[in-house]
Amino acid sequence: MGTGRAGGVGGRAVLLAAGIAELAVGTIGTALGEVRGLLGRSDLAELAADAEQDLLARGRLALDRFPAPAPAHLEVLARRAMRRRSGDDS
């Protein structure tokens, strides 16, 4: 479902940051108006949990729009050479 770049706690942080950035770029004006209306609600904890899930989903979508960078050509060659050397020593 995800990009493979978002695992563990660090991955969640990246997804949250990407979701927040996506939200800020796309809907900051609307979000400010909605926040004013939410301040008087009694179910803020539930709304905060829903918002976190929404931001995680937005982060996944934002990161999925951009492919993971390809590995450096020399890095690929160096890893291949290391595998060959370790295979010859065995």
PDB file of N, CA and C in Angstrom:
ATOM      1  N   MET A   1       0.819  -1.199   0.000  1.00  0.00           N
ATOM      2  CA  MET A   1       0.000   0.000   0.000  1.00  0.00           C
ATOM      3  C   MET A   1       0.856   1.255   0.000  1.00  0.00           C
ATOM      4  N   GLY A   2       1.973   1.269   0.773  1.00  0.00           N
ATOM      5  CA  GLY A   2       2.825   2.439   0.876  1.00  0.00           C
ATOM      6  C   GLY A   2       3.983   2.393  -0.079  1.00  0.00           C
ATOM      7  N   THR A   3       4.967   3.252   0.186  1.00  0.00           N
ATOM      8  CA  THR A   3       6.081   3.408  -0.712  1.00  0.00           C
ATOM      9  C   THR A   3       7.266   2.556  -0.332  1.00  0.00           C
ATOM     10  N   GLY A   4       7.276   1.971   0.820  1.00  0.00           N
ATOM     11  CA  GLY A   4       8.447   1.247   1.271  1.00  0.00           C
ATOM     12  C   GLY A   4       9.423   2.169   1.979  1.00  0.00           C
ATOM     13  N   ARG A   5       9.213   3.457   1.878  1.00  0.00           N
ATOM     14  CA  ARG A   5      10.097   4.425   2.533  1.00  0.00           C
ATOM     15  C   ARG A   5       9.558   4.830   3.890  1.00  0.00           C
ATOM     16  N   ALA A   6       8.447   4.275   4.296  1.00  0.00           N
ATOM     17  CA  ALA A   6       7.773   4.763   5.491  1.00  0.00           C
ATOM     18  C   ALA A   6       7.589   3.633   6.494  1.00  0.00           C
ATOM     19  N   GLY A   7       8.665   3.143   7.056  1.00  0.00           N
ATOM     20  CA  GLY A   7       8.544   2.091   8.040  1.00  0.00           C
ATOM     21  C   GLY A   7       8.939   2.587   9.417  1.00  0.00           C
ATOM     22  N   GLY A   8       8.316   2.062  10.430  1.00  0.00           N
ATOM     23  CA  GLY A   8       8.664   2.382  11.812  1.00  0.00           C
ATOM     24  C   GLY A   8       8.268   3.781  12.234  1.00  0.00           C
ATOM     25  N   VAL A   9       8.850   4.191  13.374  1.00  0.00           N
ATOM     26  CA  VAL A   9       8.531   5.495  13.954  1.00  0.00           C
ATOM     27  C   VAL A   9       9.019   6.625  13.054  1.00  0.00           C
ATOM     28  N   GLY A  10      10.219   6.462  12.504  1.00  0.00           N
ATOM     29  CA  GLY A  10      10.747   7.481  11.599  1.00  0.00           C
ATOM     30  C   GLY A  10       9.880   7.639  10.367  1.00  0.00           C
ATOM     31  N   GLY A  11       9.384   6.508   9.873  1.00  0.00           N
ATOM     32  CA  GLY A  11       8.506   6.551   8.711  1.00  0.00           C
ATOM     33  C   GLY A  11       7.206   7.259   9.011  1.00  0.00           C
ATOM     34  N   ARG A  12       6.655   7.010  10.213  1.00  0.00           N
ATOM     35  CA  ARG A  12       5.423   7.702  10.610  1.00  0.00           C
ATOM     36  C   ARG A  12       5.665   9.200  10.680  1.00  0.00           C
ATOM     37  N   ALA A  13       6.837   9.599  11.200  1.00  0.00           N
ATOM     38  CA  ALA A  13       7.156  11.024  11.299  1.00  0.00           C
ATOM     39  C   ALA A  13       7.247  11.653   9.915  1.00  0.00           C
ATOM     40  N   VAL A  14       7.870  10.933   8.975  1.00  0.00           N
ATOM     41  CA  VAL A  14       7.970  11.438   7.610  1.00  0.00           C
ATOM     42  C   VAL A  14       6.582  11.573   6.992  1.00  0.00           C
ATOM     43  N   LEU A  15       5.750  10.548   7.198  1.00  0.00           N
ATOM     44  CA  LEU A  15       4.395  10.606   6.654  1.00  0.00           C
ATOM     45  C   LEU A  15       3.597  11.753   7.257  1.00  0.00           C
ATOM     46  N   LEU A  16       3.729  11.942   8.574  1.00  0.00           N
ATOM     47  CA  LEU A  16       3.016  13.054   9.212  1.00  0.00           C
ATOM     48  C   LEU A  16       3.503  14.395   8.665  1.00  0.00           C
ATOM     49  N   ALA A  17       4.832  14.551   8.519  1.00  0.00           N
ATOM     50  CA  ALA A  17       5.381  15.801   7.996  1.00  0.00           C
ATOM     51  C   ALA A  17       4.912  16.047   6.567  1.00  0.00           C
ATOM     52  N   ALA A  18       4.932  14.993   5.745  1.00  0.00           N
ATOM     53  CA  ALA A  18       4.476  15.147   4.364  1.00  0.00           C
ATOM     54  C   ALA A  18       2.984  15.463   4.324  1.00  0.00           C
ATOM     55  N   GLY A  19       2.216  14.839   5.210  1.00  0.00           N
ATOM     56  CA  GLY A  19       0.789  15.124   5.268  1.00  0.00           C
ATOM     57  C   GLY A  19       0.503  16.546   5.697  1.00  0.00           C
ATOM     58  N   ILE A  20       1.254  17.020   6.670  1.00  0.00           N
ATOM     59  CA  ILE A  20       1.084  18.404   7.132  1.00  0.00           C
ATOM     60  C   ILE A  20       1.438  19.372   6.015  1.00  0.00           C
ATOM     61  N   ALA A  21       2.535  19.098   5.296  1.00  0.00           N
ATOM     62  CA  ALA A  21       2.934  19.970   4.190  1.00  0.00           C
ATOM     63  C   ALA A  21       1.874  19.967   3.102  1.00  0.00           C
ATOM     64  N   GLU A  22       1.357  18.784   2.781  1.00  0.00           N
ATOM     65  CA  GLU A  22       0.315  18.681   1.764  1.00  0.00           C
ATOM     66  C   GLU A  22      -0.931  19.443   2.185  1.00  0.00           C
ATOM     67  N   LEU A  23      -1.302  19.319   3.448  1.00  0.00           N
ATOM     68  CA  LEU A  23      -2.466  20.027   3.962  1.00  0.00           C
ATOM     69  C   LEU A  23      -2.252  21.535   3.893  1.00  0.00           C
ATOM     70  N   ALA A  24      -1.049  21.974   4.263  1.00  0.00           N
ATOM     71  CA  ALA A  24      -0.754  23.403   4.262  1.00  0.00           C
ATOM     72  C   ALA A  24      -0.823  23.982   2.860  1.00  0.00           C
ATOM     73  N   VAL A  25      -0.279  23.256   1.895  1.00  0.00           N
ATOM     74  CA  VAL A  25      -0.264  23.759   0.524  1.00  0.00           C
ATOM     75  C   VAL A  25      -1.662  23.772  -0.072  1.00  0.00           C
ATOM     76  N   GLY A  26      -2.410  22.703   0.190  1.00  0.00           N
ATOM     77  CA  GLY A  26      -3.700  22.556  -0.485  1.00  0.00           C
ATOM     78  C   GLY A  26      -4.870  23.262   0.158  1.00  0.00           C
ATOM     79  N   THR A  27      -4.939  23.288   1.502  1.00  0.00           N
ATOM     80  CA  THR A  27      -6.188  23.722   2.137  1.00  0.00           C
ATOM     81  C   THR A  27      -5.993  24.549   3.399  1.00  0.00           C
ATOM     82  N   ILE A  28      -4.982  25.371   3.461  1.00  0.00           N
ATOM     83  CA  ILE A  28      -4.705  26.110   4.697  1.00  0.00           C
ATOM     84  C   ILE A  28      -5.833  27.090   5.045  1.00  0.00           C
ATOM     85  N   GLY A  29      -6.384  27.768   4.076  1.00  0.00           N
ATOM     86  CA  GLY A  29      -7.463  28.724   4.370  1.00  0.00           C
ATOM     87  C   GLY A  29      -8.700  28.039   4.927  1.00  0.00           C
ATOM     88  N   THR A  30      -9.087  26.932   4.299  1.00  0.00           N
ATOM     89  CA  THR A  30     -10.258  26.190   4.754  1.00  0.00           C
ATOM     90  C   THR A  30     -10.019  25.594   6.132  1.00  0.00           C
ATOM     91  N   ALA A  31      -8.818  25.086   6.353  1.00  0.00           N
ATOM     92  CA  ALA A  31      -8.490  24.467   7.634  1.00  0.00           C
ATOM     93  C   ALA A  31      -8.601  25.473   8.777  1.00  0.00           C
ATOM     94  N   LEU A  32      -8.163  26.694   8.561  1.00  0.00           N
ATOM     95  CA  LEU A  32      -8.251  27.702   9.620  1.00  0.00           C
ATOM     96  C   LEU A  32      -9.709  27.996   9.975  1.00  0.00           C
ATOM     97  N   GLY A  33     -10.567  28.060   8.991  1.00  0.00           N
ATOM     98  CA  GLY A  33     -11.985  28.286   9.261  1.00  0.00           C
ATOM     99  C   GLY A  33     -12.604  27.130  10.029  1.00  0.00           C
ATOM    100  N   GLU A  34     -12.208  25.899   9.692  1.00  0.00           N
ATOM    101  CA  GLU A  34     -12.743  24.738  10.389  1.00  0.00           C
ATOM    102  C   GLU A  34     -12.231  24.651  11.826  1.00  0.00           C
ATOM    103  N   VAL A  35     -10.997  25.060  12.071  1.00  0.00           N
ATOM    104  CA  VAL A  35     -10.434  25.021  13.421  1.00  0.00           C
ATOM    105  C   VAL A  35     -11.236  25.922  14.354  1.00  0.00           C
ATOM    106  N   ARG A  36     -11.620  27.062  13.870  1.00  0.00           N
ATOM    107  CA  ARG A  36     -12.425  27.967  14.696  1.00  0.00           C
ATOM    108  C   ARG A  36     -13.722  27.297  15.135  1.00  0.00           C
ATOM    109  N   GLY A  37     -14.343  26.555  14.253  1.00  0.00           N
ATOM    110  CA  GLY A  37     -15.581  25.867  14.576  1.00  0.00           C
ATOM    111  C   GLY A  37     -15.374  24.675  15.504  1.00  0.00           C
ATOM    112  N   LEU A  38     -14.190  24.070  15.466  1.00  0.00           N
ATOM    113  CA  LEU A  38     -13.917  22.881  16.271  1.00  0.00           C
ATOM    114  C   LEU A  38     -13.562  23.186  17.720  1.00  0.00           C
ATOM    115  N   LEU A  39     -13.152  24.399  18.006  1.00  0.00           N
ATOM    116  CA  LEU A  39     -12.683  24.726  19.360  1.00  0.00           C
ATOM    117  C   LEU A  39     -13.737  24.490  20.431  1.00  0.00           C
ATOM    118  N   GLY A  40     -14.983  24.619  20.108  1.00  0.00           N
ATOM    119  CA  GLY A  40     -16.039  24.446  21.095  1.00  0.00           C
ATOM    120  C   GLY A  40     -16.551  23.005  21.216  1.00  0.00           C
ATOM    121  N   ARG A  41     -15.993  22.070  20.491  1.00  0.00           N
ATOM    122  CA  ARG A  41     -16.497  20.696  20.494  1.00  0.00           C
ATOM    123  C   ARG A  41     -15.961  19.916  21.679  1.00  0.00           C
ATOM    124  N   SER A  42     -16.739  18.943  22.138  1.00  0.00           N
ATOM    125  CA  SER A  42     -16.338  18.131  23.290  1.00  0.00           C
ATOM    126  C   SER A  42     -15.586  16.865  22.889  1.00  0.00           C
ATOM    127  N   ASP A  43     -15.586  16.499  21.617  1.00  0.00           N
ATOM    128  CA  ASP A  43     -14.916  15.277  21.171  1.00  0.00           C
ATOM    129  C   ASP A  43     -13.586  15.580  20.478  1.00  0.00           C
ATOM    130  N   LEU A  44     -12.817  16.506  21.051  1.00  0.00           N
ATOM    131  CA  LEU A  44     -11.560  16.916  20.442  1.00  0.00           C
ATOM    132  C   LEU A  44     -10.552  15.774  20.361  1.00  0.00           C
ATOM    133  N   ALA A  45     -10.499  14.868  21.357  1.00  0.00           N
ATOM    134  CA  ALA A  45      -9.543  13.764  21.325  1.00  0.00           C
ATOM    135  C   ALA A  45      -9.818  12.846  20.133  1.00  0.00           C
ATOM    136  N   GLU A  46     -11.078  12.545  19.912  1.00  0.00           N
ATOM    137  CA  GLU A  46     -11.449  11.705  18.768  1.00  0.00           C
ATOM    138  C   GLU A  46     -11.148  12.411  17.451  1.00  0.00           C
ATOM    139  N   LEU A  47     -11.431  13.712  17.404  1.00  0.00           N
ATOM    140  CA  LEU A  47     -11.128  14.482  16.203  1.00  0.00           C
ATOM    141  C   LEU A  47      -9.630  14.531  15.938  1.00  0.00           C
ATOM    142  N   ALA A  48      -8.829  14.651  17.013  1.00  0.00           N
ATOM    143  CA  ALA A  48      -7.372  14.676  16.857  1.00  0.00           C
ATOM    144  C   ALA A  48      -6.872  13.340  16.307  1.00  0.00           C
ATOM    145  N   ALA A  49      -7.426  12.226  16.791  1.00  0.00           N
ATOM    146  CA  ALA A  49      -7.034  10.910  16.280  1.00  0.00           C
ATOM    147  C   ALA A  49      -7.419  10.776  14.806  1.00  0.00           C
ATOM    148  N   ASP A  50      -8.606  11.239  14.460  1.00  0.00           N
ATOM    149  CA  ASP A  50      -9.024  11.205  13.056  1.00  0.00           C
ATOM    150  C   ASP A  50      -8.120  12.084  12.194  1.00  0.00           C
ATOM    151  N   ALA A  51      -7.742  13.234  12.726  1.00  0.00           N
ATOM    152  CA  ALA A  51      -6.854  14.137  11.987  1.00  0.00           C
ATOM    153  C   ALA A  51      -5.491  13.492  11.763  1.00  0.00           C
ATOM    154  N   GLU A  52      -4.987  12.788  12.772  1.00  0.00           N
ATOM    155  CA  GLU A  52      -3.699  12.107  12.616  1.00  0.00           C
ATOM    156  C   GLU A  52      -3.784  11.060  11.505  1.00  0.00           C
ATOM    157  N   GLN A  53      -4.853  10.278  11.499  1.00  0.00           N
ATOM    158  CA  GLN A  53      -5.031   9.270  10.444  1.00  0.00           C
ATOM    159  C   GLN A  53      -5.138   9.932   9.071  1.00  0.00           C
ATOM    160  N   ASP A  54      -5.829  11.038   9.016  1.00  0.00           N
ATOM    161  CA  ASP A  54      -5.956  11.765   7.759  1.00  0.00           C
ATOM    162  C   ASP A  54      -4.597  12.272   7.285  1.00  0.00           C
ATOM    163  N   LEU A  55      -3.804  12.803   8.218  1.00  0.00           N
ATOM    164  CA  LEU A  55      -2.485  13.307   7.851  1.00  0.00           C
ATOM    165  C   LEU A  55      -1.562  12.174   7.408  1.00  0.00           C
ATOM    166  N   LEU A  56      -1.655  11.020   8.052  1.00  0.00           N
ATOM    167  CA  LEU A  56      -0.856   9.867   7.624  1.00  0.00           C
ATOM    168  C   LEU A  56      -1.233   9.457   6.198  1.00  0.00           C
ATOM    169  N   ALA A  57      -2.533   9.436   5.928  1.00  0.00           N
ATOM    170  CA  ALA A  57      -2.989   9.081   4.579  1.00  0.00           C
ATOM    171  C   ALA A  57      -2.529  10.110   3.557  1.00  0.00           C
ATOM    172  N   ARG A  58      -2.643  11.385   3.910  1.00  0.00           N
ATOM    173  CA  ARG A  58      -2.171  12.442   3.007  1.00  0.00           C
ATOM    174  C   ARG A  58      -0.677  12.327   2.767  1.00  0.00           C
ATOM    175  N   GLY A  59       0.069  11.990   3.820  1.00  0.00           N
ATOM    176  CA  GLY A  59       1.513  11.814   3.680  1.00  0.00           C
ATOM    177  C   GLY A  59       1.851  10.672   2.740  1.00  0.00           C
ATOM    178  N   ARG A  60       1.127   9.548   2.900  1.00  0.00           N
ATOM    179  CA  ARG A  60       1.348   8.408   1.989  1.00  0.00           C
ATOM    180  C   ARG A  60       1.082   8.823   0.544  1.00  0.00           C
ATOM    181  N   LEU A  61      -0.033   9.518   0.331  1.00  0.00           N
ATOM    182  CA  LEU A  61      -0.377   9.956  -1.028  1.00  0.00           C
ATOM    183  C   LEU A  61       0.663  10.920  -1.583  1.00  0.00           C
ATOM    184  N   ALA A  62       1.121  11.848  -0.747  1.00  0.00           N
ATOM    185  CA  ALA A  62       2.125  12.817  -1.199  1.00  0.00           C
ATOM    186  C   ALA A  62       3.428  12.118  -1.563  1.00  0.00           C
ATOM    187  N   LEU A  63       3.863  11.158  -0.743  1.00  0.00           N
ATOM    188  CA  LEU A  63       5.106  10.450  -1.025  1.00  0.00           C
ATOM    189  C   LEU A  63       4.964   9.504  -2.205  1.00  0.00           C
ATOM    190  N   ASP A  64       3.782   8.945  -2.399  1.00  0.00           N
ATOM    191  CA  ASP A  64       3.569   8.038  -3.523  1.00  0.00           C
ATOM    192  C   ASP A  64       3.593   8.763  -4.864  1.00  0.00           C
ATOM    193  N   ARG A  65       3.381  10.066  -4.851  1.00  0.00           N
ATOM    194  CA  ARG A  65       3.429  10.827  -6.098  1.00  0.00           C
ATOM    195  C   ARG A  65       4.832  10.916  -6.664  1.00  0.00           C
ATOM    196  N   PHE A  66       5.831  10.777  -5.798  1.00  0.00           N
ATOM    197  CA  PHE A  66       7.219  10.906  -6.218  1.00  0.00           C
ATOM    198  C   PHE A  66       7.915   9.571  -6.051  1.00  0.00           C
ATOM    199  N   PRO A  67       8.525   9.047  -7.117  1.00  0.00           N
ATOM    200  CA  PRO A  67       9.204   7.753  -6.996  1.00  0.00           C
ATOM    201  C   PRO A  67      10.446   7.872  -6.125  1.00  0.00           C
ATOM    202  N   ALA A  68      10.829   6.748  -5.530  1.00  0.00           N
ATOM    203  CA  ALA A  68      12.056   6.727  -4.740  1.00  0.00           C
ATOM    204  C   ALA A  68      13.224   6.975  -5.682  1.00  0.00           C
ATOM    205  N   PRO A  69      14.231   7.707  -5.225  1.00  0.00           N
ATOM    206  CA  PRO A  69      15.371   7.978  -6.108  1.00  0.00           C
ATOM    207  C   PRO A  69      16.092   6.683  -6.456  1.00  0.00           C
ATOM    208  N   ALA A  70      16.567   6.613  -7.679  1.00  0.00           N
ATOM    209  CA  ALA A  70      17.316   5.436  -8.117  1.00  0.00           C
ATOM    210  C   ALA A  70      18.665   5.411  -7.395  1.00  0.00           C
ATOM    211  N   PRO A  71      19.169   4.223  -7.098  1.00  0.00           N
ATOM    212  CA  PRO A  71      20.472   4.157  -6.444  1.00  0.00           C
ATOM    213  C   PRO A  71      21.564   4.701  -7.371  1.00  0.00           C
ATOM    214  N   ALA A  72      22.595   5.233  -6.785  1.00  0.00           N
ATOM    215  CA  ALA A  72      23.699   5.784  -7.553  1.00  0.00           C
ATOM    216  C   ALA A  72      24.379   4.660  -8.345  1.00  0.00           C
ATOM    217  N   HIS A  73      24.734   4.953  -9.574  1.00  0.00           N
ATOM    218  CA  HIS A  73      25.318   3.949 -10.456  1.00  0.00           C
ATOM    219  C   HIS A  73      26.583   3.335  -9.860  1.00  0.00           C
ATOM    220  N   LEU A  74      27.462   4.173  -9.335  1.00  0.00           N
ATOM    221  CA  LEU A  74      28.718   3.660  -8.764  1.00  0.00           C
ATOM    222  C   LEU A  74      28.453   2.827  -7.511  1.00  0.00           C
ATOM    223  N   GLU A  75      27.430   3.192  -6.765  1.00  0.00           N
ATOM    224  CA  GLU A  75      27.075   2.412  -5.579  1.00  0.00           C
ATOM    225  C   GLU A  75      26.623   1.006  -5.978  1.00  0.00           C
ATOM    226  N   VAL A  76      25.839   0.913  -7.038  1.00  0.00           N
ATOM    227  CA  VAL A  76      25.380  -0.388  -7.520  1.00  0.00           C
ATOM    228  C   VAL A  76      26.570  -1.232  -7.960  1.00  0.00           C
ATOM    229  N   LEU A  77      27.493  -0.622  -8.696  1.00  0.00           N
ATOM    230  CA  LEU A  77      28.682  -1.353  -9.148  1.00  0.00           C
ATOM    231  C   LEU A  77      29.549  -1.798  -7.972  1.00  0.00           C
ATOM    232  N   ALA A  78      29.693  -0.940  -6.980  1.00  0.00           N
ATOM    233  CA  ALA A  78      30.506  -1.298  -5.810  1.00  0.00           C
ATOM    234  C   ALA A  78      29.873  -2.455  -5.044  1.00  0.00           C
ATOM    235  N   ARG A  79      28.574  -2.458  -4.891  1.00  0.00           N
ATOM    236  CA  ARG A  79      27.912  -3.566  -4.189  1.00  0.00           C
ATOM    237  C   ARG A  79      28.055  -4.868  -4.963  1.00  0.00           C
ATOM    238  N   ARG A  80      27.937  -4.786  -6.298  1.00  0.00           N
ATOM    239  CA  ARG A  80      28.130  -5.980  -7.118  1.00  0.00           C
ATOM    240  C   ARG A  80      29.541  -6.533  -6.946  1.00  0.00           C
ATOM    241  N   ALA A  81      30.525  -5.654  -6.947  1.00  0.00           N
ATOM    242  CA  ALA A  81      31.917  -6.082  -6.782  1.00  0.00           C
ATOM    243  C   ALA A  81      32.132  -6.717  -5.411  1.00  0.00           C
ATOM    244  N   MET A  82      31.512  -6.139  -4.373  1.00  0.00           N
ATOM    245  CA  MET A  82      31.644  -6.702  -3.021  1.00  0.00           C
ATOM    246  C   MET A  82      31.031  -8.098  -2.959  1.00  0.00           C
ATOM    247  N   ARG A  83      29.884  -8.278  -3.599  1.00  0.00           N
ATOM    248  CA  ARG A  83      29.255  -9.603  -3.617  1.00  0.00           C
ATOM    249  C   ARG A  83      30.139 -10.617  -4.341  1.00  0.00           C
ATOM    250  N   ARG A  84      30.739 -10.194  -5.438  1.00  0.00           N
ATOM    251  CA  ARG A  84      31.624 -11.106  -6.180  1.00  0.00           C
ATOM    252  C   ARG A  84      32.830 -11.486  -5.332  1.00  0.00           C
ATOM    253  N   ARG A  85      33.422 -10.512  -4.660  1.00  0.00           N
ATOM    254  CA  ARG A  85      34.595 -10.801  -3.809  1.00  0.00           C
ATOM    255  C   ARG A  85      34.244 -11.752  -2.676  1.00  0.00           C
ATOM    256  N   SER A  86      33.110 -11.505  -2.044  1.00  0.00           N
ATOM    257  CA  SER A  86      32.725 -12.374  -0.939  1.00  0.00           C
ATOM    258  C   SER A  86      32.375 -13.768  -1.439  1.00  0.00           C
ATOM    259  N   GLY A  87      31.874 -13.882  -2.649  1.00  0.00           N
ATOM    260  CA  GLY A  87      31.567 -15.180  -3.234  1.00  0.00           C
ATOM    261  C   GLY A  87      32.823 -15.944  -3.611  1.00  0.00           C
ATOM    262  N   ASP A  88      33.888 -15.233  -4.033  1.00  0.00           N
ATOM    263  CA  ASP A  88      35.142 -15.875  -4.408  1.00  0.00           C
ATOM    264  C   ASP A  88      35.907 -16.361  -3.187  1.00  0.00           C
ATOM    265  N   ASP A  89      35.786 -15.660  -2.057  1.00  0.00           N
ATOM    266  CA  ASP A  89      36.519 -16.022  -0.843  1.00  0.00           C
ATOM    267  C   ASP A  89      35.929 -17.245  -0.164  1.00  0.00           C
ATOM    268  N   SER A  90      34.708 -17.565  -0.418  1.00  0.00           N
ATOM    269  CA  SER A  90      34.015 -18.678   0.269  1.00  0.00           C
ATOM    270  C   SER A  90      34.531 -20.004  -0.162  1.00  0.00           C
TER     271      SER A  90
END
